[in-house]
Amino acid sequence: MIAEEYLRTSRLFRRLKNGPHGQLVELYATLLVNDERASHGTWRCLNLVGGLLSWIERRGLRPTDLKEQVTERYLKYRAGKQSLQPGDRAALSGCCRRCARWA
């Protein structure tokens, strides 16, 4: 299943796009579709981005504050809770560039 098919039925995607940063999540999902991600890769990317956006909100930051240093802090925080996967840094790096531009 490709990303577009996954997004049609994903509860995670619906929850994120109906949240406070829904427009950014929708733009990021469009990029995932264009990258032709497999469904698990799409889920992982959305899960990471959702976690990052929640984390920055709890710290009083905005998506425009996203920089590589903030992403690294989030990855350290996340690593304390669960294991990181090899593509996690790349998925969030792409999100940072896009969030800063579109927020």
C-alpha atoms as a PDB file:
ATOM      1  CA  MET A   1       0.000   0.000   0.000  1.00  0.00           C
ATOM      2  CA  ILE A   2       1.384   3.407  -0.906  1.00  0.00           C
ATOM      3  CA  ALA A   3       1.126   6.526   1.218  1.00  0.00           C
ATOM      4  CA  GLU A   4      -1.946   7.937  -0.509  1.00  0.00           C
ATOM      5  CA  GLU A   5      -3.962   4.770   0.137  1.00  0.00           C
ATOM      6  CA  TYR A   6      -2.802   4.658   3.745  1.00  0.00           C
ATOM      7  CA  LEU A   7      -3.731   8.309   4.367  1.00  0.00           C
ATOM      8  CA  ARG A   8      -7.328   7.730   3.221  1.00  0.00           C
ATOM      9  CA  THR A   9      -7.981   5.377   6.130  1.00  0.00           C
ATOM     10  CA  SER A  10      -5.454   6.467   8.752  1.00  0.00           C
ATOM     11  CA  ARG A  11      -6.870   7.538  12.124  1.00  0.00           C
ATOM     12  CA  LEU A  12      -3.472   9.009  13.003  1.00  0.00           C
ATOM     13  CA  PHE A  13      -3.539  11.243   9.925  1.00  0.00           C
ATOM     14  CA  ARG A  14      -7.133  12.364  10.607  1.00  0.00           C
ATOM     15  CA  ARG A  15      -6.252  13.200  14.211  1.00  0.00           C
ATOM     16  CA  LEU A  16      -3.144  15.172  13.247  1.00  0.00           C
ATOM     17  CA  LYS A  17      -4.749  17.101  10.397  1.00  0.00           C
ATOM     18  CA  ASN A  18      -7.673  18.070  12.660  1.00  0.00           C
ATOM     19  CA  GLY A  19      -5.239  19.304  15.316  1.00  0.00           C
ATOM     20  CA  PRO A  20      -3.710  22.744  15.801  1.00  0.00           C
ATOM     21  CA  HIS A  21      -1.057  22.175  13.131  1.00  0.00           C
ATOM     22  CA  GLY A  22      -3.340  20.457  10.636  1.00  0.00           C
ATOM     23  CA  GLN A  23      -2.282  22.534   7.654  1.00  0.00           C
ATOM     24  CA  LEU A  24       1.378  21.657   8.209  1.00  0.00           C
ATOM     25  CA  VAL A  25       0.521  17.974   8.625  1.00  0.00           C
ATOM     26  CA  GLU A  26      -1.440  18.011   5.353  1.00  0.00           C
ATOM     27  CA  LEU A  27       1.465  19.626   3.511  1.00  0.00           C
ATOM     28  CA  TYR A  28       3.882  17.102   4.994  1.00  0.00           C
ATOM     29  CA  ALA A  29       1.551  14.247   3.992  1.00  0.00           C
ATOM     30  CA  THR A  30       1.538  15.571   0.427  1.00  0.00           C
ATOM     31  CA  LEU A  31       5.311  15.323   0.416  1.00  0.00           C
ATOM     32  CA  LEU A  32       5.125  11.754   1.716  1.00  0.00           C
ATOM     33  CA  VAL A  33       2.770  10.859  -1.124  1.00  0.00           C
ATOM     34  CA  ASN A  34       5.114  12.462  -3.639  1.00  0.00           C
ATOM     35  CA  ASP A  35       7.992  10.429  -2.166  1.00  0.00           C
ATOM     36  CA  GLU A  36       5.863   7.280  -2.675  1.00  0.00           C
ATOM     37  CA  ARG A  37       6.422   6.014   0.856  1.00  0.00           C
ATOM     38  CA  ALA A  38       5.185   2.592   1.881  1.00  0.00           C
ATOM     39  CA  SER A  39       2.369   2.591   4.432  1.00  0.00           C
ATOM     40  CA  HIS A  40       4.617   1.766   7.409  1.00  0.00           C
ATOM     41  CA  GLY A  41       7.060   4.502   6.400  1.00  0.00           C
ATOM     42  CA  THR A  42       4.169   6.951   6.155  1.00  0.00           C
ATOM     43  CA  TRP A  43       2.866   5.935   9.580  1.00  0.00           C
ATOM     44  CA  ARG A  44       6.347   6.297  11.105  1.00  0.00           C
ATOM     45  CA  CYS A  45       6.864   9.751   9.585  1.00  0.00           C
ATOM     46  CA  LEU A  46       3.441  10.974  10.718  1.00  0.00           C
ATOM     47  CA  ASN A  47       3.970   9.545  14.183  1.00  0.00           C
ATOM     48  CA  LEU A  48       7.320  11.313  14.467  1.00  0.00           C
ATOM     49  CA  VAL A  49       5.976  14.618  13.195  1.00  0.00           C
ATOM     50  CA  GLY A  50       2.946  14.399  15.477  1.00  0.00           C
ATOM     51  CA  GLY A  51       5.218  13.761  18.446  1.00  0.00           C
ATOM     52  CA  LEU A  52       7.506  16.626  17.478  1.00  0.00           C
ATOM     53  CA  LEU A  53       4.628  19.090  17.060  1.00  0.00           C
ATOM     54  CA  SER A  54       3.164  18.075  20.440  1.00  0.00           C
ATOM     55  CA  TRP A  55       6.567  18.364  22.078  1.00  0.00           C
ATOM     56  CA  ILE A  56       7.235  21.874  20.737  1.00  0.00           C
ATOM     57  CA  GLU A  57       3.762  22.987  21.764  1.00  0.00           C
ATOM     58  CA  ARG A  58       4.283  21.737  25.341  1.00  0.00           C
ATOM     59  CA  ARG A  59       7.474  23.776  25.469  1.00  0.00           C
ATOM     60  CA  GLY A  60       5.775  26.955  24.299  1.00  0.00           C
ATOM     61  CA  LEU A  61       7.480  26.933  20.908  1.00  0.00           C
ATOM     62  CA  ARG A  62       5.906  27.437  17.494  1.00  0.00           C
ATOM     63  CA  PRO A  63       6.524  25.553  14.246  1.00  0.00           C
ATOM     64  CA  THR A  64       8.489  28.567  13.001  1.00  0.00           C
ATOM     65  CA  ASP A  65      10.941  27.947  15.867  1.00  0.00           C
ATOM     66  CA  LEU A  66      11.866  24.568  14.428  1.00  0.00           C
ATOM     67  CA  LYS A  67      15.551  24.378  13.700  1.00  0.00           C
ATOM     68  CA  GLU A  68      17.929  21.444  13.532  1.00  0.00           C
ATOM     69  CA  GLN A  69      18.952  22.059  17.158  1.00  0.00           C
ATOM     70  CA  VAL A  70      15.328  21.800  18.317  1.00  0.00           C
ATOM     71  CA  THR A  71      14.912  18.588  16.337  1.00  0.00           C
ATOM     72  CA  GLU A  72      18.031  17.141  17.954  1.00  0.00           C
ATOM     73  CA  ARG A  73      16.659  17.991  21.399  1.00  0.00           C
ATOM     74  CA  TYR A  74      13.414  16.255  20.523  1.00  0.00           C
ATOM     75  CA  LEU A  75      15.247  13.176  19.235  1.00  0.00           C
ATOM     76  CA  LYS A  76      17.189  12.959  22.514  1.00  0.00           C
ATOM     77  CA  TYR A  77      13.923  13.240  24.419  1.00  0.00           C
ATOM     78  CA  ARG A  78      12.285  10.567  22.246  1.00  0.00           C
ATOM     79  CA  ALA A  79      15.296   8.252  22.526  1.00  0.00           C
ATOM     80  CA  GLY A  80      14.789   8.250  26.285  1.00  0.00           C
ATOM     81  CA  LYS A  81      11.300   6.827  25.767  1.00  0.00           C
ATOM     82  CA  GLN A  82      11.758   4.466  22.810  1.00  0.00           C
ATOM     83  CA  SER A  83      14.355   3.393  20.316  1.00  0.00           C
ATOM     84  CA  LEU A  84      15.039   5.591  17.323  1.00  0.00           C
ATOM     85  CA  GLN A  85      14.972   4.158  13.832  1.00  0.00           C
ATOM     86  CA  PRO A  86      17.567   4.946  11.149  1.00  0.00           C
ATOM     87  CA  GLY A  87      15.232   7.183   9.100  1.00  0.00           C
ATOM     88  CA  ASP A  88      13.856   9.210  12.021  1.00  0.00           C
ATOM     89  CA  ARG A  89      16.367  12.031  11.798  1.00  0.00           C
ATOM     90  CA  ALA A  90      15.830  12.423   8.041  1.00  0.00           C
ATOM     91  CA  ALA A  91      12.026  12.421   8.413  1.00  0.00           C
ATOM     92  CA  LEU A  92      12.162  15.192  11.009  1.00  0.00           C
ATOM     93  CA  SER A  93      14.796  17.163   9.166  1.00  0.00           C
ATOM     94  CA  GLY A  94      12.463  17.423   6.190  1.00  0.00           C
ATOM     95  CA  CYS A  95       9.622  18.465   8.469  1.00  0.00           C
ATOM     96  CA  CYS A  96      11.733  21.211  10.066  1.00  0.00           C
ATOM     97  CA  ARG A  97      12.584  22.810   6.766  1.00  0.00           C
ATOM     98  CA  ARG A  98       8.985  22.724   5.597  1.00  0.00           C
ATOM     99  CA  CYS A  99       7.414  23.836   8.886  1.00  0.00           C
ATOM    100  CA  ALA A 100       9.698  26.833   9.151  1.00  0.00           C
ATOM    101  CA  ARG A 101       8.819  27.859   5.606  1.00  0.00           C
ATOM    102  CA  TRP A 102       5.050  27.297   5.791  1.00  0.00           C
ATOM    103  CA  ALA A 103       4.156  28.179   9.369  1.00  0.00           C
END
